[in-house]
Amino acid sequence: MSGDPALDVPLTPAGEEAARRLARQLANAPLDACIHTRFSRTRATAELVLAGRSVPLETEPLLDDIDVGDLEGSTLDEYRAWKAQHTRQTPFPGGESLNDAARRYALALRRLLASGHSTMLVVCHEIPIRYALNAAAGSSELDGPVHEIPNAVPYLLDERALQQAAEGIERLVRLA
């Protein structure tokens, strides 16, 4: 687990290749800006995707991965085991709760809507993407039906979908 943006976790060769594939997919897409998190791997992905293009990069800390606190460096299995024993409202030891992160993601989506950009590439982590996709679709839970989010795959959300995602995340956190 890596939920601390201060730790440099570089892209793997597979991650670099995935970013180059995404660059080919987006080569002709007009972009006003590229938003990325404070994590070095999202910045590196953005730079590979936009190589040779003049697209301004902006950092959005509200899209950072979940702060898992004392579980930093744990295995995915250890993270899942802890998560299975606690509610969404329970903060990770020394970190934040899943609901706190969800509220942060909803605020980030509202910031994107207010940014004035018409077309953005947002390079972030799988959990905010999962939450946004499920909330925008009107799901009754943030973790489904879409759960597996592959790396460097574009998901297109227009203004209406971003608005629905922010509202849906906020609604589901209130109900949790």
N, C-alpha and C. Protein backbone atom coordinates (compact mmCIF):
# COMPACT_ATOMS: atom_id res chain seq x y z
N MET A 1 0.84 -1.18 0.00
CA MET A 1 0.00 0.00 0.00
C MET A 1 0.88 1.23 0.00
N SER A 2 0.48 2.20 -0.79
CA SER A 2 1.22 3.44 -0.86
C SER A 2 0.22 4.59 -0.89
N GLY A 3 -0.06 5.16 0.29
CA GLY A 3 -0.99 6.26 0.38
C GLY A 3 -0.35 7.57 0.79
N ASP A 4 0.98 7.64 0.70
CA ASP A 4 1.71 8.84 1.11
C ASP A 4 2.37 9.48 -0.11
N PRO A 5 1.90 10.67 -0.53
CA PRO A 5 2.47 11.29 -1.72
C PRO A 5 3.93 11.71 -1.55
N ALA A 6 4.42 11.77 -0.31
CA ALA A 6 5.82 12.15 -0.10
C ALA A 6 6.78 11.02 -0.45
N LEU A 7 6.26 9.80 -0.52
CA LEU A 7 7.11 8.67 -0.88
C LEU A 7 7.15 8.53 -2.40
N ASP A 8 8.34 8.45 -2.95
CA ASP A 8 8.50 8.31 -4.39
C ASP A 8 8.38 6.85 -4.78
N VAL A 9 7.23 6.51 -5.37
CA VAL A 9 7.02 5.16 -5.89
C VAL A 9 6.94 5.31 -7.41
N PRO A 10 8.04 5.00 -8.10
CA PRO A 10 8.08 5.25 -9.55
C PRO A 10 7.20 4.28 -10.33
N LEU A 11 6.92 4.67 -11.55
CA LEU A 11 6.22 3.77 -12.46
C LEU A 11 7.10 2.57 -12.78
N THR A 12 6.47 1.44 -12.93
CA THR A 12 7.18 0.25 -13.38
C THR A 12 7.31 0.33 -14.90
N PRO A 13 8.14 -0.50 -15.50
CA PRO A 13 8.17 -0.54 -16.98
C PRO A 13 6.79 -0.81 -17.58
N ALA A 14 5.99 -1.65 -16.93
CA ALA A 14 4.63 -1.91 -17.43
C ALA A 14 3.79 -0.65 -17.32
N GLY A 15 3.96 0.12 -16.23
CA GLY A 15 3.23 1.37 -16.07
C GLY A 15 3.62 2.40 -17.12
N GLU A 16 4.91 2.45 -17.43
CA GLU A 16 5.37 3.36 -18.47
C GLU A 16 4.78 2.99 -19.83
N GLU A 17 4.73 1.70 -20.14
CA GLU A 17 4.16 1.25 -21.41
C GLU A 17 2.67 1.55 -21.46
N ALA A 18 1.96 1.35 -20.34
CA ALA A 18 0.53 1.66 -20.30
C ALA A 18 0.31 3.15 -20.55
N ALA A 19 1.17 4.01 -20.01
CA ALA A 19 1.05 5.45 -20.24
C ALA A 19 1.30 5.78 -21.71
N ARG A 20 2.24 5.12 -22.32
CA ARG A 20 2.49 5.36 -23.75
C ARG A 20 1.30 4.91 -24.61
N ARG A 21 0.66 3.79 -24.23
CA ARG A 21 -0.55 3.35 -24.95
C ARG A 21 -1.65 4.39 -24.80
N LEU A 22 -1.80 4.92 -23.59
CA LEU A 22 -2.81 5.95 -23.38
C LEU A 22 -2.49 7.20 -24.20
N ALA A 23 -1.21 7.53 -24.30
CA ALA A 23 -0.81 8.69 -25.12
C ALA A 23 -1.27 8.51 -26.56
N ARG A 24 -1.11 7.30 -27.09
CA ARG A 24 -1.56 7.04 -28.47
C ARG A 24 -3.08 7.18 -28.59
N GLN A 25 -3.80 6.73 -27.57
CA GLN A 25 -5.27 6.83 -27.60
C GLN A 25 -5.74 8.27 -27.55
N LEU A 26 -5.01 9.11 -26.82
CA LEU A 26 -5.43 10.49 -26.61
C LEU A 26 -4.70 11.50 -27.50
N ALA A 27 -3.91 11.01 -28.43
CA ALA A 27 -3.05 11.89 -29.25
C ALA A 27 -3.83 12.99 -29.95
N ASN A 28 -5.05 12.72 -30.36
CA ASN A 28 -5.82 13.72 -31.09
C ASN A 28 -6.92 14.37 -30.26
N ALA A 29 -6.94 14.08 -28.99
CA ALA A 29 -7.96 14.68 -28.11
C ALA A 29 -7.50 16.07 -27.68
N PRO A 30 -8.33 17.09 -27.90
CA PRO A 30 -7.96 18.43 -27.43
C PRO A 30 -8.07 18.48 -25.91
N LEU A 31 -7.04 19.00 -25.27
CA LEU A 31 -7.02 19.09 -23.81
C LEU A 31 -6.65 20.49 -23.38
N ASP A 32 -7.44 21.06 -22.47
CA ASP A 32 -7.13 22.37 -21.90
C ASP A 32 -6.11 22.26 -20.78
N ALA A 33 -6.16 21.15 -20.06
CA ALA A 33 -5.29 20.98 -18.90
C ALA A 33 -5.19 19.50 -18.56
N CYS A 34 -4.17 19.18 -17.79
CA CYS A 34 -4.01 17.85 -17.23
C CYS A 34 -3.89 18.01 -15.71
N ILE A 35 -4.80 17.37 -15.01
CA ILE A 35 -4.83 17.42 -13.55
C ILE A 35 -4.24 16.10 -13.04
N HIS A 36 -3.35 16.19 -12.08
CA HIS A 36 -2.77 14.98 -11.49
C HIS A 36 -2.69 15.15 -9.98
N THR A 37 -2.44 14.06 -9.29
CA THR A 37 -2.34 14.10 -7.83
C THR A 37 -0.92 14.50 -7.43
N ARG A 38 -0.67 14.52 -6.13
CA ARG A 38 0.67 14.84 -5.63
C ARG A 38 1.62 13.64 -5.72
N PHE A 39 1.12 12.49 -6.11
CA PHE A 39 1.95 11.29 -6.20
C PHE A 39 2.83 11.36 -7.45
N SER A 40 4.10 11.03 -7.28
CA SER A 40 5.05 11.13 -8.41
C SER A 40 4.62 10.24 -9.57
N ARG A 41 3.98 9.12 -9.29
CA ARG A 41 3.60 8.21 -10.39
C ARG A 41 2.48 8.79 -11.25
N THR A 42 1.60 9.63 -10.67
CA THR A 42 0.57 10.23 -11.52
C THR A 42 1.19 11.35 -12.36
N ARG A 43 2.12 12.08 -11.79
CA ARG A 43 2.81 13.13 -12.56
C ARG A 43 3.61 12.49 -13.70
N ALA A 44 4.33 11.41 -13.41
CA ALA A 44 5.11 10.72 -14.44
C ALA A 44 4.20 10.18 -15.54
N THR A 45 3.05 9.64 -15.16
CA THR A 45 2.09 9.16 -16.15
C THR A 45 1.63 10.31 -17.03
N ALA A 46 1.26 11.42 -16.41
CA ALA A 46 0.80 12.60 -17.16
C ALA A 46 1.86 13.06 -18.15
N GLU A 47 3.11 13.12 -17.70
CA GLU A 47 4.19 13.58 -18.58
C GLU A 47 4.39 12.63 -19.75
N LEU A 48 4.29 11.33 -19.53
CA LEU A 48 4.43 10.38 -20.63
C LEU A 48 3.25 10.49 -21.59
N VAL A 49 2.04 10.64 -21.07
CA VAL A 49 0.86 10.74 -21.92
C VAL A 49 0.91 12.00 -22.78
N LEU A 50 1.44 13.08 -22.21
CA LEU A 50 1.42 14.37 -22.90
C LEU A 50 2.75 14.73 -23.56
N ALA A 51 3.67 13.80 -23.64
CA ALA A 51 4.99 14.07 -24.24
C ALA A 51 4.83 14.71 -25.62
N GLY A 52 5.48 15.85 -25.80
CA GLY A 52 5.43 16.55 -27.08
C GLY A 52 4.23 17.46 -27.24
N ARG A 53 3.35 17.50 -26.25
CA ARG A 53 2.17 18.36 -26.32
C ARG A 53 2.33 19.51 -25.32
N SER A 54 1.70 20.62 -25.65
CA SER A 54 1.75 21.79 -24.77
C SER A 54 0.44 21.88 -23.99
N VAL A 55 0.33 21.04 -22.98
CA VAL A 55 -0.86 21.01 -22.12
C VAL A 55 -0.40 21.32 -20.70
N PRO A 56 -0.96 22.35 -20.07
CA PRO A 56 -0.53 22.69 -18.71
C PRO A 56 -0.89 21.59 -17.71
N LEU A 57 0.04 21.34 -16.79
CA LEU A 57 -0.16 20.37 -15.72
C LEU A 57 -0.55 21.10 -14.44
N GLU A 58 -1.56 20.56 -13.75
CA GLU A 58 -2.01 21.13 -12.48
C GLU A 58 -2.12 20.02 -11.45
N THR A 59 -1.74 20.32 -10.23
CA THR A 59 -1.81 19.35 -9.14
C THR A 59 -3.11 19.54 -8.36
N GLU A 60 -3.81 18.44 -8.10
CA GLU A 60 -5.03 18.48 -7.28
C GLU A 60 -4.89 17.49 -6.13
N PRO A 61 -4.49 17.98 -4.96
CA PRO A 61 -4.30 17.10 -3.79
C PRO A 61 -5.57 16.38 -3.34
N LEU A 62 -6.74 16.95 -3.62
CA LEU A 62 -7.98 16.30 -3.18
C LEU A 62 -8.21 14.95 -3.88
N LEU A 63 -7.51 14.71 -4.98
CA LEU A 63 -7.63 13.42 -5.68
C LEU A 63 -6.56 12.42 -5.25
N ASP A 64 -5.73 12.80 -4.28
CA ASP A 64 -4.70 11.87 -3.78
C ASP A 64 -5.34 10.56 -3.34
N ASP A 65 -4.54 9.51 -3.36
CA ASP A 65 -4.98 8.20 -2.90
C ASP A 65 -5.33 8.28 -1.42
N ILE A 66 -6.04 7.29 -0.93
CA ILE A 66 -6.45 7.24 0.47
C ILE A 66 -5.23 7.18 1.37
N ASP A 67 -5.25 7.99 2.42
CA ASP A 67 -4.18 7.98 3.42
C ASP A 67 -4.44 6.78 4.34
N VAL A 68 -3.63 5.73 4.17
CA VAL A 68 -3.82 4.50 4.95
C VAL A 68 -3.01 4.52 6.25
N GLY A 69 -2.35 5.63 6.54
CA GLY A 69 -1.65 5.80 7.81
C GLY A 69 -0.65 4.70 8.11
N ASP A 70 -0.86 4.01 9.22
CA ASP A 70 0.08 2.98 9.67
C ASP A 70 0.11 1.75 8.76
N LEU A 71 -0.84 1.64 7.85
CA LEU A 71 -0.83 0.52 6.90
C LEU A 71 0.06 0.80 5.69
N GLU A 72 0.68 1.99 5.67
CA GLU A 72 1.61 2.34 4.60
C GLU A 72 2.67 1.23 4.48
N GLY A 73 2.87 0.74 3.29
CA GLY A 73 3.85 -0.32 3.05
C GLY A 73 3.32 -1.72 3.27
N SER A 74 2.08 -1.84 3.75
CA SER A 74 1.47 -3.16 3.94
C SER A 74 1.12 -3.77 2.59
N THR A 75 0.84 -5.05 2.62
CA THR A 75 0.40 -5.72 1.40
C THR A 75 -1.07 -5.41 1.13
N LEU A 76 -1.50 -5.64 -0.08
CA LEU A 76 -2.90 -5.44 -0.43
C LEU A 76 -3.78 -6.37 0.40
N ASP A 77 -3.33 -7.59 0.65
CA ASP A 77 -4.10 -8.52 1.48
C ASP A 77 -4.26 -8.00 2.90
N GLU A 78 -3.20 -7.41 3.47
CA GLU A 78 -3.29 -6.86 4.83
C GLU A 78 -4.26 -5.68 4.87
N TYR A 79 -4.21 -4.83 3.85
CA TYR A 79 -5.14 -3.71 3.72
C TYR A 79 -6.58 -4.21 3.65
N ARG A 80 -6.82 -5.19 2.79
CA ARG A 80 -8.18 -5.72 2.62
C ARG A 80 -8.68 -6.39 3.91
N ALA A 81 -7.80 -7.09 4.60
CA ALA A 81 -8.18 -7.73 5.87
C ALA A 81 -8.59 -6.68 6.90
N TRP A 82 -7.82 -5.60 7.00
CA TRP A 82 -8.17 -4.54 7.94
C TRP A 82 -9.51 -3.93 7.55
N LYS A 83 -9.66 -3.66 6.25
CA LYS A 83 -10.88 -3.02 5.75
C LYS A 83 -12.11 -3.90 6.01
N ALA A 84 -11.97 -5.21 5.88
CA ALA A 84 -13.09 -6.12 6.09
C ALA A 84 -13.58 -6.13 7.54
N GLN A 85 -12.73 -5.72 8.45
CA GLN A 85 -13.07 -5.74 9.88
C GLN A 85 -13.57 -4.39 10.40
N HIS A 86 -13.63 -3.39 9.52
CA HIS A 86 -14.00 -2.04 9.95
C HIS A 86 -15.02 -1.44 9.00
N THR A 87 -15.71 -0.40 9.47
CA THR A 87 -16.69 0.29 8.63
C THR A 87 -16.02 1.37 7.80
N ARG A 88 -16.76 1.89 6.86
CA ARG A 88 -16.27 2.98 6.02
C ARG A 88 -15.98 4.23 6.85
N GLN A 89 -16.61 4.36 8.01
CA GLN A 89 -16.42 5.54 8.85
C GLN A 89 -15.17 5.45 9.72
N THR A 90 -14.61 4.26 9.86
CA THR A 90 -13.45 4.06 10.74
C THR A 90 -12.17 4.48 10.02
N PRO A 91 -11.44 5.43 10.57
CA PRO A 91 -10.17 5.82 9.92
C PRO A 91 -9.15 4.69 10.00
N PHE A 92 -8.33 4.58 8.96
CA PHE A 92 -7.18 3.69 9.03
C PHE A 92 -6.32 4.20 10.18
N PRO A 93 -5.65 3.32 10.93
CA PRO A 93 -4.82 3.79 12.05
C PRO A 93 -3.81 4.83 11.56
N GLY A 94 -3.92 6.05 12.09
CA GLY A 94 -3.02 7.12 11.68
C GLY A 94 -3.36 7.73 10.32
N GLY A 95 -4.49 7.34 9.74
CA GLY A 95 -4.87 7.83 8.41
C GLY A 95 -6.28 8.38 8.39
N GLU A 96 -6.93 8.25 7.25
CA GLU A 96 -8.29 8.76 7.10
C GLU A 96 -9.25 7.60 6.84
N SER A 97 -10.54 7.85 6.98
CA SER A 97 -11.55 6.84 6.69
C SER A 97 -11.87 6.84 5.20
N LEU A 98 -12.50 5.76 4.75
CA LEU A 98 -12.95 5.70 3.36
C LEU A 98 -13.98 6.79 3.08
N ASN A 99 -14.84 7.06 4.05
CA ASN A 99 -15.83 8.13 3.86
C ASN A 99 -15.19 9.50 3.81
N ASP A 100 -14.14 9.73 4.62
CA ASP A 100 -13.42 11.00 4.54
C ASP A 100 -12.81 11.18 3.15
N ALA A 101 -12.22 10.12 2.64
CA ALA A 101 -11.64 10.18 1.29
C ALA A 101 -12.72 10.42 0.25
N ALA A 102 -13.87 9.76 0.40
CA ALA A 102 -14.97 9.95 -0.55
C ALA A 102 -15.45 11.40 -0.55
N ARG A 103 -15.56 12.00 0.63
CA ARG A 103 -15.95 13.42 0.70
C ARG A 103 -14.92 14.29 -0.01
N ARG A 104 -13.67 13.97 0.17
CA ARG A 104 -12.58 14.71 -0.48
C ARG A 104 -12.70 14.57 -2.00
N TYR A 105 -13.01 13.37 -2.48
CA TYR A 105 -13.15 13.15 -3.93
C TYR A 105 -14.34 13.93 -4.49
N ALA A 106 -15.43 13.97 -3.76
CA ALA A 106 -16.59 14.75 -4.22
C ALA A 106 -16.22 16.23 -4.34
N LEU A 107 -15.49 16.74 -3.36
CA LEU A 107 -15.04 18.14 -3.41
C LEU A 107 -14.10 18.35 -4.61
N ALA A 108 -13.24 17.39 -4.87
CA ALA A 108 -12.33 17.50 -6.03
C ALA A 108 -13.13 17.56 -7.33
N LEU A 109 -14.17 16.74 -7.45
CA LEU A 109 -14.99 16.76 -8.66
C LEU A 109 -15.67 18.12 -8.81
N ARG A 110 -16.11 18.69 -7.71
CA ARG A 110 -16.72 20.03 -7.78
C ARG A 110 -15.68 21.08 -8.21
N ARG A 111 -14.45 20.93 -7.74
CA ARG A 111 -13.38 21.84 -8.17
C ARG A 111 -13.12 21.70 -9.67
N LEU A 112 -13.14 20.46 -10.17
CA LEU A 112 -12.95 20.26 -11.61
C LEU A 112 -14.06 20.96 -12.38
N LEU A 113 -15.29 20.82 -11.90
CA LEU A 113 -16.42 21.47 -12.56
C LEU A 113 -16.28 23.00 -12.58
N ALA A 114 -15.71 23.56 -11.53
CA ALA A 114 -15.57 25.01 -11.41
C ALA A 114 -14.27 25.53 -12.02
N SER A 115 -13.45 24.67 -12.57
CA SER A 115 -12.11 25.06 -13.02
C SER A 115 -12.10 25.96 -14.25
N GLY A 116 -13.15 25.92 -15.03
CA GLY A 116 -13.17 26.70 -16.27
C GLY A 116 -12.59 25.96 -17.46
N HIS A 117 -12.00 24.80 -17.24
CA HIS A 117 -11.48 23.99 -18.34
C HIS A 117 -12.63 23.26 -19.01
N SER A 118 -12.58 23.18 -20.33
CA SER A 118 -13.65 22.47 -21.03
C SER A 118 -13.30 20.99 -21.24
N THR A 119 -12.02 20.68 -21.42
CA THR A 119 -11.61 19.30 -21.63
C THR A 119 -10.32 19.05 -20.85
N MET A 120 -10.40 18.13 -19.89
CA MET A 120 -9.25 17.84 -19.02
C MET A 120 -8.92 16.36 -19.06
N LEU A 121 -7.65 16.08 -18.91
CA LEU A 121 -7.19 14.73 -18.60
C LEU A 121 -6.91 14.74 -17.12
N VAL A 122 -7.52 13.82 -16.38
CA VAL A 122 -7.28 13.71 -14.95
C VAL A 122 -6.56 12.38 -14.70
N VAL A 123 -5.37 12.48 -14.16
CA VAL A 123 -4.57 11.29 -13.85
C VAL A 123 -4.58 11.13 -12.34
N CYS A 124 -5.30 10.10 -11.89
CA CYS A 124 -5.42 9.89 -10.45
C CYS A 124 -5.37 8.40 -10.15
N HIS A 125 -5.92 8.00 -9.05
CA HIS A 125 -5.83 6.63 -8.55
C HIS A 125 -7.15 5.91 -8.79
N GLU A 126 -7.14 4.60 -8.62
CA GLU A 126 -8.32 3.82 -8.99
C GLU A 126 -9.53 4.08 -8.10
N ILE A 127 -9.36 4.37 -6.83
CA ILE A 127 -10.53 4.51 -5.96
C ILE A 127 -11.36 5.74 -6.33
N PRO A 128 -10.78 6.93 -6.56
CA PRO A 128 -11.64 8.04 -6.97
C PRO A 128 -12.33 7.79 -8.31
N ILE A 129 -11.68 7.05 -9.20
CA ILE A 129 -12.33 6.73 -10.48
C ILE A 129 -13.51 5.80 -10.23
N ARG A 130 -13.29 4.75 -9.44
CA ARG A 130 -14.36 3.79 -9.12
C ARG A 130 -15.54 4.51 -8.47
N TYR A 131 -15.27 5.34 -7.48
CA TYR A 131 -16.34 6.06 -6.81
C TYR A 131 -17.10 6.96 -7.78
N ALA A 132 -16.38 7.67 -8.63
CA ALA A 132 -17.03 8.58 -9.59
C ALA A 132 -17.88 7.82 -10.59
N LEU A 133 -17.35 6.73 -11.13
CA LEU A 133 -18.12 5.96 -12.12
C LEU A 133 -19.39 5.39 -11.51
N ASN A 134 -19.28 4.81 -10.33
CA ASN A 134 -20.44 4.21 -9.69
C ASN A 134 -21.46 5.26 -9.27
N ALA A 135 -21.00 6.35 -8.69
CA ALA A 135 -21.92 7.41 -8.26
C ALA A 135 -22.59 8.07 -9.46
N ALA A 136 -21.86 8.30 -10.53
CA ALA A 136 -22.44 8.92 -11.73
C ALA A 136 -23.52 8.03 -12.35
N ALA A 137 -23.36 6.72 -12.20
CA ALA A 137 -24.33 5.77 -12.76
C ALA A 137 -25.53 5.56 -11.83
N GLY A 138 -25.52 6.21 -10.66
CA GLY A 138 -26.64 6.07 -9.74
C GLY A 138 -26.59 4.82 -8.88
N SER A 139 -25.42 4.22 -8.74
CA SER A 139 -25.30 3.01 -7.93
C SER A 139 -25.66 3.28 -6.47
N SER A 140 -26.04 2.23 -5.78
CA SER A 140 -26.36 2.35 -4.36
C SER A 140 -25.13 2.12 -3.48
N GLU A 141 -23.97 1.93 -4.11
CA GLU A 141 -22.73 1.78 -3.35
C GLU A 141 -21.55 2.32 -4.16
N LEU A 142 -20.54 2.81 -3.46
CA LEU A 142 -19.38 3.40 -4.13
C LEU A 142 -18.47 2.34 -4.75
N ASP A 143 -18.45 1.15 -4.20
CA ASP A 143 -17.53 0.11 -4.66
C ASP A 143 -18.12 -0.80 -5.73
N GLY A 144 -19.28 -0.51 -6.24
CA GLY A 144 -19.86 -1.37 -7.27
C GLY A 144 -20.98 -0.66 -8.01
N PRO A 145 -21.34 -1.14 -9.16
CA PRO A 145 -20.95 -2.42 -9.74
C PRO A 145 -19.54 -2.42 -10.34
N VAL A 146 -19.04 -1.25 -10.74
CA VAL A 146 -17.68 -1.20 -11.27
C VAL A 146 -16.72 -1.29 -10.10
N HIS A 147 -15.85 -2.28 -10.13
CA HIS A 147 -14.90 -2.41 -9.02
C HIS A 147 -13.45 -2.45 -9.51
N GLU A 148 -13.17 -3.24 -10.52
CA GLU A 148 -11.80 -3.35 -11.03
C GLU A 148 -11.54 -2.22 -12.01
N ILE A 149 -10.57 -1.38 -11.70
CA ILE A 149 -10.21 -0.23 -12.53
C ILE A 149 -8.78 -0.45 -13.03
N PRO A 150 -8.61 -0.83 -14.29
CA PRO A 150 -7.25 -1.02 -14.80
C PRO A 150 -6.51 0.31 -14.92
N ASN A 151 -5.20 0.25 -14.87
CA ASN A 151 -4.37 1.45 -14.98
C ASN A 151 -4.37 1.99 -16.41
N ALA A 152 -4.25 3.30 -16.52
CA ALA A 152 -4.06 4.01 -17.79
C ALA A 152 -5.14 3.68 -18.82
N VAL A 153 -6.39 3.64 -18.36
CA VAL A 153 -7.54 3.45 -19.23
C VAL A 153 -8.39 4.71 -19.14
N PRO A 154 -8.76 5.29 -20.28
CA PRO A 154 -9.56 6.52 -20.20
C PRO A 154 -11.04 6.23 -19.89
N TYR A 155 -11.58 7.02 -19.00
CA TYR A 155 -13.01 7.01 -18.69
C TYR A 155 -13.50 8.41 -18.98
N LEU A 156 -14.50 8.51 -19.83
CA LEU A 156 -14.98 9.82 -20.26
C LEU A 156 -16.18 10.23 -19.42
N LEU A 157 -16.06 11.38 -18.77
CA LEU A 157 -17.14 11.94 -17.97
C LEU A 157 -17.36 13.38 -18.41
N ASP A 158 -18.57 13.67 -18.86
CA ASP A 158 -18.88 15.04 -19.22
C ASP A 158 -19.31 15.82 -17.97
N GLU A 159 -19.68 17.07 -18.17
CA GLU A 159 -20.03 17.93 -17.04
C GLU A 159 -21.20 17.34 -16.24
N ARG A 160 -22.20 16.84 -16.93
CA ARG A 160 -23.37 16.25 -16.25
C ARG A 160 -22.95 15.05 -15.42
N ALA A 161 -22.11 14.19 -15.97
CA ALA A 161 -21.66 13.00 -15.25
C ALA A 161 -20.81 13.37 -14.03
N LEU A 162 -19.94 14.39 -14.17
CA LEU A 162 -19.15 14.84 -13.02
C LEU A 162 -20.06 15.37 -11.92
N GLN A 163 -21.08 16.12 -12.30
CA GLN A 163 -22.04 16.65 -11.31
C GLN A 163 -22.76 15.50 -10.62
N GLN A 164 -23.22 14.51 -11.39
CA GLN A 164 -23.90 13.35 -10.81
C GLN A 164 -22.96 12.56 -9.91
N ALA A 165 -21.70 12.46 -10.30
CA ALA A 165 -20.72 11.74 -9.49
C ALA A 165 -20.53 12.43 -8.15
N ALA A 166 -20.34 13.75 -8.16
CA ALA A 166 -20.15 14.49 -6.90
C ALA A 166 -21.38 14.35 -6.01
N GLU A 167 -22.55 14.54 -6.58
CA GLU A 167 -23.78 14.42 -5.79
C GLU A 167 -23.98 13.00 -5.27
N GLY A 168 -23.70 12.01 -6.13
CA GLY A 168 -23.88 10.62 -5.74
C GLY A 168 -22.93 10.21 -4.63
N ILE A 169 -21.68 10.64 -4.71
CA ILE A 169 -20.71 10.32 -3.66
C ILE A 169 -21.18 10.93 -2.34
N GLU A 170 -21.57 12.19 -2.38
CA GLU A 170 -22.03 12.86 -1.16
C GLU A 170 -23.25 12.15 -0.58
N ARG A 171 -24.19 11.76 -1.42
CA ARG A 171 -25.40 11.07 -0.96
C ARG A 171 -25.04 9.72 -0.32
N LEU A 172 -24.18 8.95 -0.97
CA LEU A 172 -23.83 7.62 -0.46
C LEU A 172 -23.05 7.70 0.84
N VAL A 173 -22.23 8.73 1.00
CA VAL A 173 -21.48 8.89 2.26
C VAL A 173 -22.46 9.25 3.39
N ARG A 174 -23.44 10.07 3.09
CA ARG A 174 -24.45 10.43 4.12
C ARG A 174 -25.22 9.20 4.58
N LEU A 175 -25.49 8.28 3.63
CA LEU A 175 -26.26 7.08 3.94
C LEU A 175 -25.44 6.02 4.66
N ALA A 176 -24.11 6.10 4.54
CA ALA A 176 -23.25 5.04 5.11
C ALA A 176 -23.20 5.08 6.61
